[in-house]
């Protein structure tokens, strides 16, 4: 997954040590310690870590969960990064894995809800490849400069066999992404049939595609499209999107 580049977007991942009252953790002190660092978060869950004097905890900030490991005093908070935790204690590893999975599932649901809201609010900035007998609907956020997104484009015909596809082409990786997404927005206007839509997608996601080859009807048209794409990118980031491709699978309605 490629991380988006948008100036001014804040992506925060905090790691902290937490211990619940059930395990001797002073939750209020922990929250106070975080607040002293400029982080406003509340303890929502506390889990026994198996380590003497330390407790796993989950804090919530802006509806998203952050996993932490804290001294029971609440005055020492350590960040948890899965790739930087080394242990030969199987019980500890199992508890840590369960904690991280719980946090991941919660945050994924919050992000999914937020992203789907953006899809709904900007329905006229999406394209739909419908399948009347679809079992699922796939919502896909894709950037023309993302090679992993290009891989997804190559799979569209296969996906379309049993799913309705709703795609949002964005420009969040760099400036040329916005230029390509704007060009796509112009080109897709004349593509009505499924094969035409997929052909346009493959053209724009080709690494040799030049957005300057696309002509806009009015002098302000490209600027208007670019402004809207920038707004959508910001809203997706606010919803919790941190990388592309981002795919949500829901049952067909």
C-alpha atoms as a PDB file:
ATOM      1  CA  UNK A   1       0.000   0.000   0.000  1.00  0.00           C
ATOM      2  CA  UNK A   2       1.322   3.441  -0.932  1.00  0.00           C
ATOM      3  CA  UNK A   3       0.975   6.236   1.558  1.00  0.00           C
ATOM      4  CA  UNK A   4      -0.616   9.441   0.212  1.00  0.00           C
ATOM      5  CA  UNK A   5       1.310  12.711  -0.058  1.00  0.00           C
ATOM      6  CA  UNK A   6      -0.861  15.728   0.688  1.00  0.00           C
ATOM      7  CA  UNK A   7       0.604  18.803   2.297  1.00  0.00           C
ATOM      8  CA  UNK A   8      -1.125  19.617   5.565  1.00  0.00           C
ATOM      9  CA  UNK A   9      -2.612  16.190   6.120  1.00  0.00           C
ATOM     10  CA  UNK A  10      -1.858  14.851   9.542  1.00  0.00           C
ATOM     11  CA  UNK A  11      -1.540  11.095   9.947  1.00  0.00           C
ATOM     12  CA  UNK A  12      -0.885  10.246  13.571  1.00  0.00           C
ATOM     13  CA  UNK A  13       0.005   6.918  15.088  1.00  0.00           C
ATOM     14  CA  UNK A  14       0.711   7.063  18.784  1.00  0.00           C
ATOM     15  CA  UNK A  15       1.969   4.256  21.014  1.00  0.00           C
ATOM     16  CA  UNK A  16       1.466   4.349  24.735  1.00  0.00           C
ATOM     17  CA  UNK A  17       1.649   2.134  27.853  1.00  0.00           C
ATOM     18  CA  UNK A  18      -1.748   1.629  29.478  1.00  0.00           C
ATOM     19  CA  UNK A  19      -3.070  -0.391  32.385  1.00  0.00           C
ATOM     20  CA  UNK A  20      -6.714  -0.605  33.460  1.00  0.00           C
ATOM     21  CA  UNK A  21      -8.056  -0.329  36.956  1.00  0.00           C
ATOM     22  CA  UNK A  22      -8.771  -4.023  36.833  1.00  0.00           C
ATOM     23  CA  UNK A  23      -5.055  -4.520  36.385  1.00  0.00           C
ATOM     24  CA  UNK A  24      -3.873  -1.690  38.634  1.00  0.00           C
ATOM     25  CA  UNK A  25      -3.564   0.947  35.951  1.00  0.00           C
ATOM     26  CA  UNK A  26      -4.324   4.534  36.870  1.00  0.00           C
ATOM     27  CA  UNK A  27      -6.366   5.485  33.799  1.00  0.00           C
ATOM     28  CA  UNK A  28      -6.831   9.111  34.819  1.00  0.00           C
ATOM     29  CA  UNK A  29      -3.111   9.557  35.315  1.00  0.00           C
ATOM     30  CA  UNK A  30      -2.444   7.937  31.967  1.00  0.00           C
ATOM     31  CA  UNK A  31      -4.840  10.335  30.244  1.00  0.00           C
ATOM     32  CA  UNK A  32      -3.165  13.201  32.087  1.00  0.00           C
ATOM     33  CA  UNK A  33       0.255  12.038  30.905  1.00  0.00           C
ATOM     34  CA  UNK A  34      -0.997  11.975  27.328  1.00  0.00           C
ATOM     35  CA  UNK A  35      -2.598  15.383  27.711  1.00  0.00           C
ATOM     36  CA  UNK A  36       0.708  16.808  28.900  1.00  0.00           C
ATOM     37  CA  UNK A  37       2.100  15.765  25.515  1.00  0.00           C
ATOM     38  CA  UNK A  38      -0.741  17.475  23.685  1.00  0.00           C
ATOM     39  CA  UNK A  39      -2.729  14.280  23.070  1.00  0.00           C
ATOM     40  CA  UNK A  40      -6.377  14.279  24.061  1.00  0.00           C
ATOM     41  CA  UNK A  41      -7.490  10.648  24.335  1.00  0.00           C
ATOM     42  CA  UNK A  42      -9.607   8.495  26.610  1.00  0.00           C
ATOM     43  CA  UNK A  43      -8.965   4.974  27.848  1.00  0.00           C
ATOM     44  CA  UNK A  44     -11.649   2.673  26.421  1.00  0.00           C
ATOM     45  CA  UNK A  45     -10.223  -0.767  27.228  1.00  0.00           C
ATOM     46  CA  UNK A  46      -7.582  -2.286  29.496  1.00  0.00           C
ATOM     47  CA  UNK A  47      -6.079  -5.734  28.990  1.00  0.00           C
ATOM     48  CA  UNK A  48      -3.704  -7.758  31.145  1.00  0.00           C
ATOM     49  CA  UNK A  49      -0.325  -7.854  29.421  1.00  0.00           C
ATOM     50  CA  UNK A  50       1.114 -10.590  31.599  1.00  0.00           C
ATOM     51  CA  UNK A  51       4.013  -8.281  32.448  1.00  0.00           C
ATOM     52  CA  UNK A  52       4.392  -7.277  36.068  1.00  0.00           C
ATOM     53  CA  UNK A  53       3.497  -3.628  36.555  1.00  0.00           C
ATOM     54  CA  UNK A  54       2.433  -3.101  32.946  1.00  0.00           C
ATOM     55  CA  UNK A  55      -0.933  -3.274  31.211  1.00  0.00           C
ATOM     56  CA  UNK A  56      -2.123  -3.132  27.625  1.00  0.00           C
ATOM     57  CA  UNK A  57      -4.677  -0.436  26.963  1.00  0.00           C
ATOM     58  CA  UNK A  58      -6.608   1.073  24.121  1.00  0.00           C
ATOM     59  CA  UNK A  59      -7.218   4.801  23.980  1.00  0.00           C
ATOM     60  CA  UNK A  60      -9.611   6.567  21.649  1.00  0.00           C
ATOM     61  CA  UNK A  61      -8.798   9.735  19.760  1.00  0.00           C
ATOM     62  CA  UNK A  62     -11.209  11.142  17.151  1.00  0.00           C
ATOM     63  CA  UNK A  63     -13.089   7.797  17.190  1.00  0.00           C
ATOM     64  CA  UNK A  64      -9.947   5.857  16.236  1.00  0.00           C
ATOM     65  CA  UNK A  65      -8.251   3.458  18.650  1.00  0.00           C
ATOM     66  CA  UNK A  66      -4.584   3.505  19.600  1.00  0.00           C
ATOM     67  CA  UNK A  67      -2.966   0.455  21.289  1.00  0.00           C
ATOM     68  CA  UNK A  68      -0.647   1.180  24.194  1.00  0.00           C
ATOM     69  CA  UNK A  69       1.435  -0.491  26.877  1.00  0.00           C
ATOM     70  CA  UNK A  70       1.684   1.481  30.112  1.00  0.00           C
ATOM     71  CA  UNK A  71       3.115   1.295  33.577  1.00  0.00           C
ATOM     72  CA  UNK A  72       0.361   0.898  36.163  1.00  0.00           C
ATOM     73  CA  UNK A  73       1.190   4.337  37.549  1.00  0.00           C
ATOM     74  CA  UNK A  74       0.046   5.859  34.260  1.00  0.00           C
ATOM     75  CA  UNK A  75       3.168   7.995  34.216  1.00  0.00           C
ATOM     76  CA  UNK A  76       5.140   5.901  31.732  1.00  0.00           C
ATOM     77  CA  UNK A  77       3.619   5.318  28.308  1.00  0.00           C
ATOM     78  CA  UNK A  78       5.208   3.292  25.545  1.00  0.00           C
ATOM     79  CA  UNK A  79       4.146   3.148  21.930  1.00  0.00           C
ATOM     80  CA  UNK A  80       3.420  -0.209  20.308  1.00  0.00           C
ATOM     81  CA  UNK A  81       4.768  -0.831  16.834  1.00  0.00           C
ATOM     82  CA  UNK A  82       4.235  -4.494  15.795  1.00  0.00           C
ATOM     83  CA  UNK A  83       7.488  -4.672  13.840  1.00  0.00           C
ATOM     84  CA  UNK A  84       9.494  -3.341  16.774  1.00  0.00           C
ATOM     85  CA  UNK A  85       8.223  -5.634  19.524  1.00  0.00           C
ATOM     86  CA  UNK A  86      10.540  -8.605  20.026  1.00  0.00           C
ATOM     87  CA  UNK A  87       9.521 -11.369  22.380  1.00  0.00           C
ATOM     88  CA  UNK A  88       9.959 -15.072  23.085  1.00  0.00           C
ATOM     89  CA  UNK A  89       7.016 -15.095  25.495  1.00  0.00           C
ATOM     90  CA  UNK A  90       4.204 -16.911  23.663  1.00  0.00           C
ATOM     91  CA  UNK A  91       1.489 -15.763  26.074  1.00  0.00           C
ATOM     92  CA  UNK A  92       2.553 -12.147  25.728  1.00  0.00           C
ATOM     93  CA  UNK A  93       2.725 -12.482  21.944  1.00  0.00           C
ATOM     94  CA  UNK A  94      -0.788 -13.947  21.825  1.00  0.00           C
ATOM     95  CA  UNK A  95      -2.210 -11.130  23.947  1.00  0.00           C
ATOM     96  CA  UNK A  96      -0.439  -8.515  21.853  1.00  0.00           C
ATOM     97  CA  UNK A  97      -1.689 -10.040  18.603  1.00  0.00           C
ATOM     98  CA  UNK A  98      -5.271 -10.144  19.908  1.00  0.00           C
ATOM     99  CA  UNK A  99      -5.020  -6.518  21.018  1.00  0.00           C
ATOM    100  CA  UNK A 100      -3.675  -5.317  17.679  1.00  0.00           C
ATOM    101  CA  UNK A 101      -6.272  -7.284  15.744  1.00  0.00           C
ATOM    102  CA  UNK A 102      -9.082  -5.762  17.805  1.00  0.00           C
ATOM    103  CA  UNK A 103      -7.722  -2.266  17.205  1.00  0.00           C
ATOM    104  CA  UNK A 104      -7.236  -2.916  13.492  1.00  0.00           C
ATOM    105  CA  UNK A 105     -10.787  -4.204  12.999  1.00  0.00           C
ATOM    106  CA  UNK A 106     -12.267  -1.239  14.852  1.00  0.00           C
ATOM    107  CA  UNK A 107     -10.236   1.324  12.913  1.00  0.00           C
ATOM    108  CA  UNK A 108     -10.994  -0.389   9.600  1.00  0.00           C
ATOM    109  CA  UNK A 109     -14.724  -0.147  10.303  1.00  0.00           C
ATOM    110  CA  UNK A 110     -14.469   3.523  11.243  1.00  0.00           C
ATOM    111  CA  UNK A 111     -12.490   4.222   8.072  1.00  0.00           C
ATOM    112  CA  UNK A 112     -14.886   2.196   5.914  1.00  0.00           C
ATOM    113  CA  UNK A 113     -17.856   4.156   7.258  1.00  0.00           C
ATOM    114  CA  UNK A 114     -16.103   7.452   6.606  1.00  0.00           C
ATOM    115  CA  UNK A 115     -14.971   6.521   3.108  1.00  0.00           C
ATOM    116  CA  UNK A 116     -18.446   5.276   2.151  1.00  0.00           C
ATOM    117  CA  UNK A 117     -19.837   8.602   3.342  1.00  0.00           C
ATOM    118  CA  UNK A 118     -17.467  10.386   0.947  1.00  0.00           C
ATOM    119  CA  UNK A 119     -18.635   8.093  -1.863  1.00  0.00           C
ATOM    120  CA  UNK A 120     -22.233   9.036  -1.083  1.00  0.00           C
ATOM    121  CA  UNK A 121     -21.545  12.766  -0.843  1.00  0.00           C
ATOM    122  CA  UNK A 122     -19.587  12.783  -4.117  1.00  0.00           C
ATOM    123  CA  UNK A 123     -21.546  10.202  -6.083  1.00  0.00           C
ATOM    124  CA  UNK A 124     -21.187  12.292  -9.241  1.00  0.00           C
ATOM    125  CA  UNK A 125     -17.400  11.907  -8.948  1.00  0.00           C
ATOM    126  CA  UNK A 126     -17.547   8.113  -9.079  1.00  0.00           C
ATOM    127  CA  UNK A 127     -18.111   5.675 -11.907  1.00  0.00           C
ATOM    128  CA  UNK A 128     -20.212   2.562 -11.578  1.00  0.00           C
ATOM    129  CA  UNK A 129     -19.731  -0.638 -13.531  1.00  0.00           C
ATOM    130  CA  UNK A 130     -23.014  -2.341 -12.802  1.00  0.00           C
ATOM    131  CA  UNK A 131     -23.835  -6.035 -12.623  1.00  0.00           C
ATOM    132  CA  UNK A 132     -27.545  -6.814 -12.181  1.00  0.00           C
ATOM    133  CA  UNK A 133     -26.771 -10.259 -10.740  1.00  0.00           C
ATOM    134  CA  UNK A 134     -23.987  -9.005  -8.471  1.00  0.00           C
ATOM    135  CA  UNK A 135     -23.458 -10.676  -5.118  1.00  0.00           C
ATOM    136  CA  UNK A 136     -21.298  -7.845  -3.834  1.00  0.00           C
ATOM    137  CA  UNK A 137     -20.489  -4.203  -4.366  1.00  0.00           C
ATOM    138  CA  UNK A 138     -16.826  -3.204  -4.408  1.00  0.00           C
ATOM    139  CA  UNK A 139     -16.010   0.408  -3.573  1.00  0.00           C
ATOM    140  CA  UNK A 140     -12.506   1.209  -4.784  1.00  0.00           C
ATOM    141  CA  UNK A 141     -10.350   4.300  -4.185  1.00  0.00           C
ATOM    142  CA  UNK A 142      -7.530   4.372  -6.731  1.00  0.00           C
ATOM    143  CA  UNK A 143      -4.724   6.761  -7.698  1.00  0.00           C
ATOM    144  CA  UNK A 144      -3.318   6.739 -11.270  1.00  0.00           C
ATOM    145  CA  UNK A 145       0.286   6.855 -10.003  1.00  0.00           C
ATOM    146  CA  UNK A 146      -0.117   3.860  -7.688  1.00  0.00           C
ATOM    147  CA  UNK A 147       1.278   0.621  -9.215  1.00  0.00           C
ATOM    148  CA  UNK A 148      -0.834  -1.474  -6.851  1.00  0.00           C
ATOM    149  CA  UNK A 149      -3.899   0.419  -8.059  1.00  0.00           C
ATOM    150  CA  UNK A 150      -2.902  -0.407 -11.629  1.00  0.00           C
ATOM    151  CA  UNK A 151      -2.891  -4.077 -10.637  1.00  0.00           C
ATOM    152  CA  UNK A 152      -6.474  -3.657  -9.436  1.00  0.00           C
ATOM    153  CA  UNK A 153      -7.432  -2.037 -12.747  1.00  0.00           C
ATOM    154  CA  UNK A 154      -6.147  -5.136 -14.545  1.00  0.00           C
ATOM    155  CA  UNK A 155      -8.523  -7.251 -12.446  1.00  0.00           C
ATOM    156  CA  UNK A 156     -11.671  -5.217 -13.113  1.00  0.00           C
ATOM    157  CA  UNK A 157     -13.139  -7.601 -15.687  1.00  0.00           C
ATOM    158  CA  UNK A 158     -12.755 -10.462 -13.231  1.00  0.00           C
ATOM    159  CA  UNK A 159     -14.243  -8.468 -10.360  1.00  0.00           C
ATOM    160  CA  UNK A 160     -17.159  -7.399 -12.551  1.00  0.00           C
ATOM    161  CA  UNK A 161     -18.258 -11.010 -13.084  1.00  0.00           C
ATOM    162  CA  UNK A 162     -19.953 -11.193  -9.684  1.00  0.00           C
ATOM    163  CA  UNK A 163     -19.754  -7.645  -8.320  1.00  0.00           C
ATOM    164  CA  UNK A 164     -20.912  -4.145  -9.041  1.00  0.00           C
ATOM    165  CA  UNK A 165     -17.907  -1.830  -9.048  1.00  0.00           C
ATOM    166  CA  UNK A 166     -17.991   1.740  -7.783  1.00  0.00           C
ATOM    167  CA  UNK A 167     -14.705   3.518  -8.424  1.00  0.00           C
ATOM    168  CA  UNK A 168     -13.379   6.835  -7.188  1.00  0.00           C
ATOM    169  CA  UNK A 169     -10.250   7.974  -9.013  1.00  0.00           C
ATOM    170  CA  UNK A 170      -8.298  10.408  -6.857  1.00  0.00           C
ATOM    171  CA  UNK A 171      -5.057  12.340  -6.879  1.00  0.00           C
ATOM    172  CA  UNK A 172      -3.488  11.954  -3.459  1.00  0.00           C
ATOM    173  CA  UNK A 173       0.058  10.731  -4.075  1.00  0.00           C
ATOM    174  CA  UNK A 174       1.525  13.737  -5.868  1.00  0.00           C
ATOM    175  CA  UNK A 175       0.625  16.622  -8.172  1.00  0.00           C
ATOM    176  CA  UNK A 176       0.728  14.525 -11.336  1.00  0.00           C
ATOM    177  CA  UNK A 177      -1.829  12.230  -9.706  1.00  0.00           C
ATOM    178  CA  UNK A 178      -4.301  15.111  -9.605  1.00  0.00           C
ATOM    179  CA  UNK A 179      -3.506  15.983 -13.227  1.00  0.00           C
ATOM    180  CA  UNK A 180      -4.161  12.394 -14.308  1.00  0.00           C
ATOM    181  CA  UNK A 181      -7.316  12.119 -12.201  1.00  0.00           C
ATOM    182  CA  UNK A 182      -8.609  15.355 -13.749  1.00  0.00           C
ATOM    183  CA  UNK A 183      -7.871  14.004 -17.228  1.00  0.00           C
ATOM    184  CA  UNK A 184      -9.708  10.810 -16.313  1.00  0.00           C
ATOM    185  CA  UNK A 185     -12.721  12.807 -15.144  1.00  0.00           C
ATOM    186  CA  UNK A 186     -12.858  14.479 -18.559  1.00  0.00           C
ATOM    187  CA  UNK A 187     -12.330  11.294 -20.581  1.00  0.00           C
ATOM    188  CA  UNK A 188     -14.844   9.176 -18.691  1.00  0.00           C
ATOM    189  CA  UNK A 189     -17.671  11.589 -19.553  1.00  0.00           C
ATOM    190  CA  UNK A 190     -17.931  10.087 -23.034  1.00  0.00           C
ATOM    191  CA  UNK A 191     -17.541   6.451 -21.925  1.00  0.00           C
ATOM    192  CA  UNK A 192     -20.934   4.855 -21.378  1.00  0.00           C
ATOM    193  CA  UNK A 193     -20.526   1.119 -21.962  1.00  0.00           C
ATOM    194  CA  UNK A 194     -18.594  -1.080 -19.533  1.00  0.00           C
ATOM    195  CA  UNK A 195     -15.861  -1.880 -22.049  1.00  0.00           C
ATOM    196  CA  UNK A 196     -15.441   1.829 -22.804  1.00  0.00           C
ATOM    197  CA  UNK A 197     -15.148   2.695 -19.116  1.00  0.00           C
ATOM    198  CA  UNK A 198     -12.544   0.007 -18.504  1.00  0.00           C
ATOM    199  CA  UNK A 199     -10.618   1.109 -21.598  1.00  0.00           C
ATOM    200  CA  UNK A 200     -10.423   4.667 -20.232  1.00  0.00           C
ATOM    201  CA  UNK A 201      -9.282   3.388 -16.844  1.00  0.00           C
ATOM    202  CA  UNK A 202      -6.526   1.289 -18.403  1.00  0.00           C
ATOM    203  CA  UNK A 203      -5.408   4.232 -20.521  1.00  0.00           C
ATOM    204  CA  UNK A 204      -5.126   6.622 -17.581  1.00  0.00           C
ATOM    205  CA  UNK A 205      -3.404   4.066 -15.344  1.00  0.00           C
ATOM    206  CA  UNK A 206      -0.795   3.234 -17.974  1.00  0.00           C
ATOM    207  CA  UNK A 207       2.585   4.536 -16.811  1.00  0.00           C
ATOM    208  CA  UNK A 208       3.085   6.310 -20.155  1.00  0.00           C
ATOM    209  CA  UNK A 209      -0.182   8.246 -19.997  1.00  0.00           C
ATOM    210  CA  UNK A 210       0.253  11.996 -20.468  1.00  0.00           C
ATOM    211  CA  UNK A 211      -2.588  14.054 -18.957  1.00  0.00           C
ATOM    212  CA  UNK A 212      -1.584  16.994 -21.161  1.00  0.00           C
ATOM    213  CA  UNK A 213      -2.932  15.014 -24.126  1.00  0.00           C
ATOM    214  CA  UNK A 214      -6.485  15.586 -22.863  1.00  0.00           C
ATOM    215  CA  UNK A 215      -8.239  18.774 -23.924  1.00  0.00           C
ATOM    216  CA  UNK A 216     -10.812  20.552 -21.777  1.00  0.00           C
ATOM    217  CA  UNK A 217     -13.724  22.466 -23.298  1.00  0.00           C
ATOM    218  CA  UNK A 218     -13.518  25.569 -21.110  1.00  0.00           C
ATOM    219  CA  UNK A 219     -10.492  27.431 -19.692  1.00  0.00           C
ATOM    220  CA  UNK A 220     -11.781  26.938 -16.133  1.00  0.00           C
ATOM    221  CA  UNK A 221     -12.906  23.313 -16.517  1.00  0.00           C
ATOM    222  CA  UNK A 222      -9.627  21.684 -15.511  1.00  0.00           C
ATOM    223  CA  UNK A 223      -9.228  24.024 -12.541  1.00  0.00           C
ATOM    224  CA  UNK A 224     -12.735  23.274 -11.309  1.00  0.00           C
ATOM    225  CA  UNK A 225     -12.165  19.527 -11.564  1.00  0.00           C
ATOM    226  CA  UNK A 226      -8.797  19.809  -9.819  1.00  0.00           C
ATOM    227  CA  UNK A 227     -10.325  21.803  -6.956  1.00  0.00           C
ATOM    228  CA  UNK A 228     -12.987  19.162  -6.438  1.00  0.00           C
ATOM    229  CA  UNK A 229     -10.433  16.338  -6.547  1.00  0.00           C
ATOM    230  CA  UNK A 230      -8.361  18.133  -3.916  1.00  0.00           C
ATOM    231  CA  UNK A 231     -11.430  18.499  -1.694  1.00  0.00           C
ATOM    232  CA  UNK A 232     -12.296  14.814  -2.071  1.00  0.00           C
ATOM    233  CA  UNK A 233      -8.729  13.836  -1.203  1.00  0.00           C
ATOM    234  CA  UNK A 234      -8.850  15.897   1.974  1.00  0.00           C
ATOM    235  CA  UNK A 235     -12.202  14.404   2.964  1.00  0.00           C
ATOM    236  CA  UNK A 236     -10.896  10.874   2.421  1.00  0.00           C
ATOM    237  CA  UNK A 237      -7.884  11.615   4.601  1.00  0.00           C
ATOM    238  CA  UNK A 238     -10.150  13.017   7.306  1.00  0.00           C
ATOM    239  CA  UNK A 239     -12.195   9.817   7.091  1.00  0.00           C
ATOM    240  CA  UNK A 240      -9.066   7.837   7.958  1.00  0.00           C
ATOM    241  CA  UNK A 241      -7.766   6.808   4.546  1.00  0.00           C
ATOM    242  CA  UNK A 242      -3.997   6.419   4.782  1.00  0.00           C
ATOM    243  CA  UNK A 243      -3.141   4.667   1.552  1.00  0.00           C
ATOM    244  CA  UNK A 244      -4.311   3.323  -1.773  1.00  0.00           C
ATOM    245  CA  UNK A 245      -5.689   1.133  -3.164  1.00  0.00           C
ATOM    246  CA  UNK A 246      -8.498   1.126  -0.633  1.00  0.00           C
ATOM    247  CA  UNK A 247     -11.271  -1.387  -1.238  1.00  0.00           C
ATOM    248  CA  UNK A 248     -14.514  -1.934   0.657  1.00  0.00           C
ATOM    249  CA  UNK A 249     -16.659  -4.985  -0.040  1.00  0.00           C
ATOM    250  CA  UNK A 250     -20.343  -4.899   0.865  1.00  0.00           C
ATOM    251  CA  UNK A 251     -23.281  -7.184   0.043  1.00  0.00           C
ATOM    252  CA  UNK A 252     -25.139  -6.106  -3.071  1.00  0.00           C
ATOM    253  CA  UNK A 253     -28.370  -4.230  -2.392  1.00  0.00           C
END
